[in-house]
Structure formats: structure tokens, C-alpha cells
Amino acid sequence: MNGLRASLLAALVCSTTACTVVPGSNMGRINSFWYNDTPEEYSPATTDINYIPIDATVLSHLGSAAPAAPNTNNELRNAVVNYNYRIAPGDVLTITVWEHPELTIPSGSFRSAEEGGNVVKADGTVFYPYAGELPVSGLTTGEVQTLLQNKLGSVIKRPQIDVRVAAFRSQKVYVSGSVMKPGVVPITNTPLTLVDAIEQLGGLTDTATWGDIILNRQGSTHHITLRSLYEEGQWSQNLLLQDGDLVHIPRNDAEKVFVLGEVNRPQSLNMSRNGTSLAEALAEANGINEGRADGRGIYVLRNTGVKRDPATGQPVYSATVYHLNAASAVGFMFADSFPLEPRDVVYVSPAPITRWNRFLSQLLPSILATDRIGDIEAR
């Protein structure tokens, strides 16, 4: 019976040398990443793993990857300076011909300029006495003024005309998501930027993300970051909005990082608006477990997407694994400077003695089972 137990023990010990490589069990061999005990097989042919140690060199590259932009943006400034509101169907115009009150529609003491104005019809025209139907859609107020002066010049000597938009009804921007008052913002003769639209609706809520604002424009989707705009003054992220733009500000619920392994409180964490560092994530998890963790093995696993192998056409799963050796205090200084990204997985590997103890805890039931078999045979 002792021979059976010895054989079983030897088989189990040998099996551990070919066990699945999981994060933290042998991350030093990450380039030979291989799973063979799951329904799918992952090998270097289908998994592209990029292993990067977290050190001063890596942190310097991360710091220089996104240099701060100037506080002004020429493209936005030029767009604002050259902005002209274009009249469209639904707008209400107020047209005044000075010294000729008979041509001006009286507003009356109880009628506003909007109520007494000229509404641009669906075909883009307005009617005015002695001028007839005027095509004004797509024109500025200055261009409508010139058009009227030419039309009325035959009946009035050097007419003095003033044209204004009394009500802006034709053009709108739609803002949804995590703002105080989601709704519709009209486009007026004052240029409307992204920041202006957000502030007109009461600003962002406490749960709004700063990292990924979605702008849908004419079937195209654009991603904008407000963090660089608000914190670094990168005005290139502040856009001049157009009619029909749909701005969506997501909640920050999806911007999470996951802290797993030998920490005192494994959990998922919502990233802060200012970003979350590796040290902050570990601190939120109540730190690493000093009795079970291996400070030399702290990893950040980042999914970088799926691409196709041009030779086989099979999907290749691409990921980056950042490795931090925090055996000394310098490692935690690096951790404080390492920024996490949404959906990162932070894994703290167990110490060798912890892995051995777990192996023994799995082996012990098998040994006890052989003892029971021996007792039964002895009877």
C-alpha cells in the first residue's frame, strides 16, 4: 500500500511541472504562455504577449507619450472668428425698415419680436412687402439685408434695413448622458462649443467620465477626452458643434480596474476623473497581503485587442503584461507613477511558500484517500 501512495505522490508531483501557466504562477516565462486544460488552446500562435518591466525607462516613455498642448488652438479660434449663423426653415426673422413703419410688422404692446416676426417657411423663404418671396435659407442676416436692399431699392430711396433672428428654432445639438440636465441646446448666432453646451446644461455629474466623450456627427463617431482639456488646457479637444451633433457623456461605471491575487481585499475599482495609478489601486485593495504575496511579482495585464494572422487568418489575441518588482520601496515609487487604463487587471502573485502550501492542501485529500483504501483492504 505504501508503494501505491508513493506512486500516487510521484505522479502528482510530476503533474505540477506541466500545470497551466496562470498570471503569477510563473510570469517569468510569459513568452512561452500556453493553456492546455481549457476548452480552447492558447499558444504563441494565437496569443501575442508583450512583456514589459516597469522601470524608470518605461515611466519616462509614458510621461512623454502625450505632451501637453498649447493653451490655445488655432483651428478652434479660426472657426469661432469666422463663424456666421446660417438661417434655416423654422427660424423667425425680425425685419425693420427705418423711417418706413408701414413696412414693419407691428409687434404691438402684447406681442414679442418672436411672435410678430417673419417665420422662415419649409421651402426656405419669407414674404416681405414689395420684395415678394425671398429665399433666405442658408444666408446670413447680413446677406438677407443686402438682398432686401436690392429688392426695395426700386420703391424706396436708399432703404435702411435691419435684419435679426428673433428665434433660433432650426438648428440644435443633442446632449445625453451624465450631465445635470440632458437635453437640446439650440445653435444661435453665438458659436457653440462642446464646453459651452455642457455648461448650458448645468455641467457634468459626479458620475460622468472625463476620458471618453462620444460625438456622433453625420454618421461618423468621434472620441474626445475632457481630462486633457480641463486639466492640461488642450483646447484641441474643444470642438465647435454643428447642427445635428449628438454628444453622449458616459458614466464612469465602465472605467474600472480589477485588483486580484494576494491582496487583502480583491475588488473592482472605479477610476477617478484624474486617473488611477497602480499604487492607488493597491492601496484601495488594502495593500498586498504581506504573509502570502510575492512583492517581486506584481503585474498589470492589459488587453490590446484582437487581430488576424495574415498567414492563417486565425484571430490573434494581443495583450501587454507590465511587471513591477516591489521588493523594495523604490518599486512602490514606480507604482505611484504608473497610470492604469480602464479594464486593466492588477494581479499580485503568491509567494513560493504560498504556492507550496496550496499544492499540499490539494495533495492531502489524495493521500488521505489512499489511507482509507489501505484500511479497507486491511479489513
Protein backbone atom coordinates (compact mmCIF):
# COMPACT_ATOMS: atom_id res chain seq x y z
CA MET A 1 0.00 0.00 0.00
CA ASN A 2 2.93 2.29 0.70
CA GLY A 3 4.03 1.69 -2.88
CA LEU A 4 0.64 2.87 -4.15
CA ARG A 5 0.88 6.01 -2.07
CA ALA A 6 4.41 6.68 -3.26
CA SER A 7 3.40 6.18 -6.89
CA LEU A 8 0.43 8.49 -6.50
CA LEU A 9 2.59 11.13 -4.80
CA ALA A 10 5.19 10.93 -7.56
CA ALA A 11 2.55 11.23 -10.25
CA LEU A 12 1.01 14.27 -8.61
CA VAL A 13 4.38 15.97 -8.13
CA CYS A 14 5.31 15.31 -11.77
CA SER A 15 1.96 16.69 -12.92
CA THR A 16 2.70 20.01 -11.25
CA THR A 17 5.66 20.56 -13.56
CA ALA A 18 3.29 20.73 -16.53
CA CYS A 19 0.44 22.60 -14.93
CA THR A 20 -1.21 25.55 -16.59
CA VAL A 21 0.69 28.81 -16.55
CA VAL A 22 -1.52 31.42 -14.92
CA PRO A 23 -0.73 35.01 -14.01
CA GLY A 24 1.59 34.91 -11.04
CA SER A 25 2.40 31.20 -11.11
CA ASN A 26 5.38 31.61 -13.39
CA MET A 27 5.20 35.02 -15.02
CA GLY A 28 8.90 34.90 -15.76
CA ARG A 29 8.01 32.50 -18.58
CA ILE A 30 5.29 34.74 -20.02
CA ASN A 31 6.74 34.49 -23.53
CA SER A 32 6.02 30.74 -23.52
CA PHE A 33 2.40 31.35 -22.50
CA TRP A 34 0.36 28.14 -23.00
CA TYR A 35 -3.02 26.87 -21.81
CA ASN A 36 -3.87 23.22 -22.32
CA ASP A 37 -6.52 22.41 -19.75
CA THR A 38 -9.38 24.57 -21.04
CA PRO A 39 -11.84 24.01 -23.92
CA GLU A 40 -9.70 26.30 -26.06
CA GLU A 41 -5.96 26.12 -26.54
CA TYR A 42 -3.95 29.32 -26.37
CA SER A 43 -0.44 29.21 -27.73
CA PRO A 44 2.08 31.71 -29.08
CA ALA A 45 0.38 31.24 -32.48
CA THR A 46 -2.88 32.70 -31.18
CA THR A 47 -1.69 34.89 -28.30
CA ASP A 48 0.69 37.80 -28.73
CA ILE A 49 2.05 38.73 -25.31
CA ASN A 50 4.25 41.78 -24.87
CA TYR A 51 6.15 41.64 -21.58
CA ILE A 52 7.42 44.99 -20.21
CA PRO A 53 9.09 45.57 -16.83
CA ILE A 54 8.00 48.72 -15.03
CA ASP A 55 11.11 50.82 -14.52
CA ALA A 56 12.30 54.40 -14.90
CA THR A 57 12.75 53.98 -18.65
CA VAL A 58 9.17 52.81 -19.20
CA LEU A 59 7.78 55.58 -16.99
CA SER A 60 9.76 58.22 -18.88
CA HIS A 61 8.26 56.98 -22.16
CA LEU A 62 4.75 57.02 -20.69
CA GLY A 63 5.27 60.57 -19.48
CA SER A 64 6.44 61.79 -22.87
CA ALA A 65 3.80 59.92 -24.89
CA ALA A 66 1.22 62.71 -24.59
CA PRO A 67 2.93 66.11 -24.32
CA ALA A 68 0.81 68.98 -23.16
CA ALA A 69 -0.67 71.03 -25.96
CA PRO A 70 -0.56 74.84 -26.04
CA ASN A 71 -3.28 76.69 -24.19
CA THR A 72 -4.75 77.97 -27.44
CA ASN A 73 -5.89 76.16 -30.53
CA ASN A 74 -5.63 77.95 -33.86
CA GLU A 75 -8.19 75.73 -35.58
CA LEU A 76 -10.87 76.38 -32.98
CA ARG A 77 -10.02 80.07 -32.77
CA ASN A 78 -10.26 80.49 -36.53
CA ALA A 79 -13.57 78.60 -36.60
CA VAL A 80 -15.01 80.89 -33.91
CA VAL A 81 -13.71 84.08 -35.55
CA ASN A 82 -15.12 83.10 -38.95
CA TYR A 83 -18.41 81.79 -37.57
CA ASN A 84 -21.63 83.03 -39.18
CA TYR A 85 -25.08 81.75 -38.35
CA ARG A 86 -26.91 80.46 -41.42
CA ILE A 87 -30.68 80.90 -41.47
CA ALA A 88 -32.78 77.77 -41.94
CA PRO A 89 -36.50 76.84 -42.07
CA GLY A 90 -38.20 77.40 -38.72
CA ASP A 91 -36.19 80.46 -37.71
CA VAL A 92 -38.04 83.70 -37.01
CA LEU A 93 -36.66 86.93 -38.51
CA THR A 94 -37.29 90.48 -37.40
CA ILE A 95 -37.01 92.88 -40.36
CA THR A 96 -37.06 96.64 -39.75
CA VAL A 97 -37.06 99.31 -42.48
CA TRP A 98 -36.16 102.59 -40.82
CA GLU A 99 -38.42 105.59 -41.45
CA HIS A 100 -40.96 103.31 -43.08
CA PRO A 101 -43.10 101.89 -40.28
CA GLU A 102 -45.77 100.81 -42.76
CA LEU A 103 -43.37 98.07 -43.96
CA THR A 104 -42.54 96.86 -40.50
CA ILE A 105 -44.95 94.39 -38.97
CA PRO A 106 -46.07 96.00 -35.72
CA SER A 107 -45.29 93.88 -32.75
CA GLY A 108 -47.94 95.54 -30.60
CA SER A 109 -47.75 96.12 -26.92
CA PHE A 110 -48.52 92.48 -26.08
CA ARG A 111 -46.54 90.72 -28.82
CA SER A 112 -42.89 89.80 -28.63
CA ALA A 113 -40.47 90.10 -31.52
CA GLU A 114 -40.65 86.34 -31.90
CA GLU A 115 -44.45 86.38 -32.12
CA GLY A 116 -44.54 89.24 -34.58
CA GLY A 117 -41.60 88.23 -36.76
CA ASN A 118 -41.28 86.57 -40.15
CA VAL A 119 -41.11 82.78 -39.93
CA VAL A 120 -38.88 81.06 -42.48
CA LYS A 121 -41.14 78.58 -44.25
CA ALA A 122 -40.33 74.97 -45.04
CA ASP A 123 -39.19 75.93 -48.54
CA GLY A 124 -36.65 78.35 -47.05
CA THR A 125 -38.44 81.59 -47.99
CA VAL A 126 -40.04 84.53 -46.20
CA PHE A 127 -42.51 87.05 -47.60
CA TYR A 128 -41.90 90.79 -47.34
CA PRO A 129 -43.96 93.62 -48.85
CA TYR A 130 -42.66 94.92 -52.19
CA ALA A 131 -39.95 92.26 -52.16
CA GLY A 132 -42.11 89.17 -52.51
CA GLU A 133 -40.89 85.71 -51.57
CA LEU A 134 -37.24 85.87 -50.57
CA PRO A 135 -35.05 82.71 -50.48
CA VAL A 136 -33.22 83.19 -47.21
CA SER A 137 -32.31 79.63 -46.18
CA GLY A 138 -28.55 79.25 -45.97
CA LEU A 139 -27.93 83.01 -45.85
CA THR A 140 -26.58 85.14 -43.01
CA THR A 141 -28.53 88.12 -41.69
CA GLY A 142 -26.11 90.40 -43.50
CA GLU A 143 -26.76 88.66 -46.80
CA VAL A 144 -30.54 88.90 -46.26
CA GLN A 145 -30.12 92.60 -45.52
CA THR A 146 -28.30 93.12 -48.82
CA LEU A 147 -30.94 91.11 -50.67
CA LEU A 148 -33.72 93.26 -49.23
CA GLN A 149 -31.91 96.48 -50.02
CA ASN A 150 -31.67 95.44 -53.66
CA LYS A 151 -35.34 94.41 -53.79
CA LEU A 152 -36.70 97.54 -52.05
CA GLY A 153 -34.36 99.95 -53.82
CA SER A 154 -36.84 100.33 -56.64
CA VAL A 155 -39.58 101.68 -54.35
CA ILE A 156 -37.57 103.26 -51.53
CA LYS A 157 -34.60 105.55 -51.99
CA ARG A 158 -31.58 104.15 -50.18
CA PRO A 159 -33.52 101.97 -47.72
CA GLN A 160 -32.02 101.47 -44.26
CA ILE A 161 -32.76 97.89 -43.22
CA ASP A 162 -32.01 95.88 -40.10
CA VAL A 163 -32.37 92.07 -40.09
CA ARG A 164 -32.11 89.97 -36.95
CA VAL A 165 -33.01 86.43 -35.90
CA ALA A 166 -35.68 86.73 -33.22
CA ALA A 167 -35.91 82.99 -32.54
CA PHE A 168 -33.42 80.25 -33.30
CA ARG A 169 -35.58 77.20 -33.96
CA SER A 170 -33.96 75.36 -36.84
CA GLN A 171 -30.64 74.04 -35.61
CA LYS A 172 -29.97 72.00 -32.49
CA VAL A 173 -27.37 69.93 -30.67
CA TYR A 174 -28.42 66.95 -28.55
CA VAL A 175 -26.57 66.19 -25.32
CA SER A 176 -27.28 62.97 -23.41
CA GLY A 177 -25.71 61.03 -20.58
CA SER A 178 -24.12 62.27 -17.39
CA VAL A 179 -24.93 65.97 -17.44
CA MET A 180 -27.14 67.74 -14.94
CA LYS A 181 -29.94 68.46 -17.43
CA PRO A 182 -29.64 66.31 -20.57
CA GLY A 183 -31.47 67.89 -23.45
CA VAL A 184 -31.37 70.03 -26.57
CA VAL A 185 -29.15 73.07 -26.98
CA PRO A 186 -30.07 75.47 -29.81
CA ILE A 187 -27.40 76.78 -32.15
CA THR A 188 -27.54 80.57 -32.26
CA ASN A 189 -25.51 83.44 -33.64
CA THR A 190 -23.03 82.82 -30.80
CA PRO A 191 -20.59 79.98 -31.60
CA LEU A 192 -21.44 76.86 -29.58
CA THR A 193 -18.51 74.74 -28.43
CA LEU A 194 -18.57 71.42 -26.61
CA VAL A 195 -17.72 73.03 -23.28
CA ASP A 196 -20.40 75.71 -23.81
CA ALA A 197 -23.08 73.06 -24.46
CA ILE A 198 -22.13 71.10 -21.33
CA GLU A 199 -22.14 74.21 -19.15
CA GLN A 200 -25.50 75.38 -20.50
CA LEU A 201 -26.97 72.09 -19.29
CA GLY A 202 -25.61 72.51 -15.77
CA GLY A 203 -22.23 70.82 -16.19
CA LEU A 204 -21.14 67.25 -15.63
CA THR A 205 -22.49 65.00 -12.90
CA ASP A 206 -20.27 63.36 -10.31
CA THR A 207 -20.53 60.05 -12.17
CA ALA A 208 -19.52 61.41 -15.58
CA THR A 209 -16.41 60.13 -17.25
CA TRP A 210 -13.77 62.56 -18.41
CA GLY A 211 -11.94 60.08 -20.54
CA ASP A 212 -14.18 59.23 -23.49
CA ILE A 213 -16.88 61.63 -24.69
CA ILE A 214 -18.68 60.39 -27.81
CA LEU A 215 -19.60 62.78 -30.61
CA ASN A 216 -21.78 61.49 -33.46
CA ARG A 217 -21.70 63.77 -36.49
CA GLN A 218 -23.25 62.90 -39.84
CA GLY A 219 -22.82 59.17 -39.29
CA SER A 220 -19.24 59.39 -38.00
CA THR A 221 -18.23 58.78 -34.40
CA HIS A 222 -15.50 60.81 -32.71
CA HIS A 223 -13.98 60.19 -29.27
CA ILE A 224 -12.99 63.18 -27.17
CA THR A 225 -11.22 63.40 -23.81
CA LEU A 226 -12.20 66.13 -21.39
CA ARG A 227 -9.43 65.24 -18.94
CA SER A 228 -6.74 66.72 -21.16
CA LEU A 229 -8.99 69.71 -21.84
CA TYR A 230 -9.86 70.55 -18.24
CA GLU A 231 -6.56 69.62 -16.61
CA GLU A 232 -3.99 70.46 -19.28
CA GLY A 233 -5.76 73.08 -21.34
CA GLN A 234 -5.64 71.07 -24.57
CA TRP A 235 -8.20 73.13 -26.45
CA SER A 236 -7.88 70.86 -29.45
CA GLN A 237 -10.45 68.69 -27.64
CA ASN A 238 -12.97 71.55 -27.51
CA LEU A 239 -14.87 71.45 -30.81
CA LEU A 240 -17.26 73.84 -32.50
CA LEU A 241 -20.58 72.00 -32.61
CA GLN A 242 -22.81 71.78 -35.67
CA ASP A 243 -26.48 71.22 -36.33
CA GLY A 244 -27.50 67.63 -35.63
CA ASP A 245 -24.49 66.76 -33.48
CA LEU A 246 -25.21 64.17 -30.81
CA VAL A 247 -22.95 64.34 -27.75
CA HIS A 248 -23.05 61.49 -25.25
CA ILE A 249 -21.21 61.62 -21.94
CA PRO A 250 -21.00 58.10 -20.46
CA ARG A 251 -20.97 57.23 -16.79
CA ASN A 252 -17.68 56.18 -15.29
CA ASP A 253 -19.09 52.77 -14.26
CA ALA A 254 -17.34 51.07 -17.16
CA GLU A 255 -13.99 52.70 -16.36
CA LYS A 256 -12.91 50.08 -13.87
CA VAL A 257 -9.71 48.30 -12.94
CA PHE A 258 -9.61 44.90 -11.27
CA VAL A 259 -7.25 44.10 -8.41
CA LEU A 260 -6.81 40.36 -7.89
CA GLY A 261 -4.44 37.89 -6.32
CA GLU A 262 -2.68 38.23 -2.98
CA VAL A 263 -4.19 41.50 -1.81
CA ASN A 264 -6.16 42.00 1.37
CA ARG A 265 -9.38 42.90 -0.44
CA PRO A 266 -9.62 41.81 -4.09
CA GLN A 267 -12.14 44.02 -5.88
CA SER A 268 -13.00 46.13 -8.88
CA LEU A 269 -12.40 49.87 -8.61
CA ASN A 270 -13.91 52.80 -10.45
CA MET A 271 -11.20 55.01 -11.88
CA SER A 272 -11.16 58.59 -10.67
CA ARG A 273 -11.54 61.53 -13.02
CA ASN A 274 -7.86 62.33 -12.61
CA GLY A 275 -6.82 58.77 -13.40
CA THR A 276 -5.70 55.99 -11.09
CA SER A 277 -2.14 54.86 -10.52
CA LEU A 278 -1.02 51.33 -9.74
CA ALA A 279 -0.16 52.37 -6.17
CA GLU A 280 -3.63 53.85 -5.67
CA ALA A 281 -5.28 50.65 -6.89
CA LEU A 282 -3.22 48.54 -4.49
CA ALA A 283 -4.00 50.92 -1.63
CA GLU A 284 -7.74 50.74 -2.38
CA ALA A 285 -7.42 46.96 -2.08
CA ASN A 286 -5.95 47.46 1.41
CA GLY A 287 -2.47 46.69 0.17
CA ILE A 288 -0.77 43.42 -0.64
CA ASN A 289 -1.00 40.54 1.81
CA GLU A 290 2.40 40.54 3.47
CA GLY A 291 2.04 36.94 4.59
CA ARG A 292 1.14 35.43 1.23
CA ALA A 293 2.19 37.83 -1.53
CA ASP A 294 5.41 37.92 -3.50
CA GLY A 295 6.35 41.58 -3.78
CA ARG A 296 8.57 40.75 -6.74
CA GLY A 297 5.55 39.69 -8.78
CA ILE A 298 3.03 42.49 -9.28
CA TYR A 299 1.56 42.51 -12.79
CA VAL A 300 -0.72 44.74 -14.85
CA LEU A 301 -2.46 42.81 -17.63
CA ARG A 302 -3.79 44.97 -20.44
CA ASN A 303 -5.85 43.68 -23.35
CA THR A 304 -4.70 45.46 -26.52
CA GLY A 305 -7.16 43.95 -28.98
CA VAL A 306 -7.63 41.16 -31.50
CA LYS A 307 -6.10 40.99 -34.95
CA ARG A 308 -5.93 38.40 -37.72
CA ASP A 309 -2.89 36.34 -38.58
CA PRO A 310 -2.23 37.18 -42.25
CA ALA A 311 -0.92 33.66 -42.91
CA THR A 312 -3.65 31.56 -41.27
CA GLY A 313 -6.49 34.05 -40.87
CA GLN A 314 -6.89 32.95 -37.24
CA PRO A 315 -7.57 35.55 -34.53
CA VAL A 316 -4.51 36.64 -32.56
CA TYR A 317 -5.21 37.94 -29.08
CA SER A 318 -2.82 40.74 -28.23
CA ALA A 319 -2.02 41.74 -24.66
CA THR A 320 0.63 43.61 -22.74
CA VAL A 321 1.86 42.49 -19.33
CA TYR A 322 3.65 45.07 -17.19
CA HIS A 323 5.76 43.63 -14.39
CA LEU A 324 6.65 45.52 -11.21
CA ASN A 325 9.23 44.30 -8.73
CA ALA A 326 8.13 45.91 -5.48
CA ALA A 327 10.51 44.04 -3.22
CA SER A 328 11.95 47.45 -2.25
CA ALA A 329 10.40 50.85 -1.61
CA VAL A 330 11.66 52.05 -5.00
CA GLY A 331 9.18 49.70 -6.65
CA PHE A 332 6.28 51.43 -4.96
CA MET A 333 7.61 54.78 -6.18
CA PHE A 334 7.37 53.35 -9.69
CA ALA A 335 3.87 52.10 -8.88
CA ASP A 336 2.74 55.60 -7.92
CA SER A 337 3.94 56.92 -11.30
CA PHE A 338 2.41 54.13 -13.40
CA PRO A 339 -1.03 55.13 -14.76
CA LEU A 340 -3.64 52.44 -15.18
CA GLU A 341 -6.12 52.30 -18.02
CA PRO A 342 -9.77 51.21 -17.91
CA ARG A 343 -10.25 47.41 -17.75
CA ASP A 344 -6.67 46.77 -16.60
CA VAL A 345 -6.20 43.74 -14.37
CA VAL A 346 -3.75 44.12 -11.49
CA TYR A 347 -2.51 40.76 -10.22
CA VAL A 348 -0.31 40.19 -7.17
CA SER A 349 1.30 36.77 -7.36
CA PRO A 350 1.63 34.46 -4.35
CA ALA A 351 4.95 33.82 -2.65
CA PRO A 352 6.64 30.46 -3.36
CA ILE A 353 5.76 29.15 0.09
CA THR A 354 2.12 30.10 -0.51
CA ARG A 355 2.04 28.14 -3.77
CA TRP A 356 3.66 25.17 -1.98
CA ASN A 357 1.11 25.28 0.83
CA ARG A 358 -1.72 25.35 -1.67
CA PHE A 359 -0.20 22.42 -3.50
CA LEU A 360 -0.05 20.46 -0.27
CA SER A 361 -3.66 21.36 0.55
CA GLN A 362 -4.69 19.90 -2.81
CA LEU A 363 -2.46 16.85 -2.40
CA LEU A 364 -3.53 15.98 1.15
CA PRO A 365 -7.04 14.67 0.24
CA SER A 366 -5.45 12.24 -2.26
CA ILE A 367 -3.05 10.93 0.36
CA LEU A 368 -5.88 10.54 2.87
CA ALA A 369 -7.88 8.66 0.25
CA THR A 370 -5.03 6.13 -0.16
CA ASP A 371 -5.03 5.63 3.60
CA ARG A 372 -8.74 4.85 3.51
CA ILE A 373 -8.21 2.40 0.68
CA GLY A 374 -5.49 0.71 2.74
CA ASP A 375 -7.78 0.47 5.73
CA ILE A 376 -10.49 -1.13 3.59
CA GLU A 377 -8.06 -3.69 2.13
CA ALA A 378 -6.72 -4.47 5.58
CA ARG A 379 -10.19 -5.41 6.73
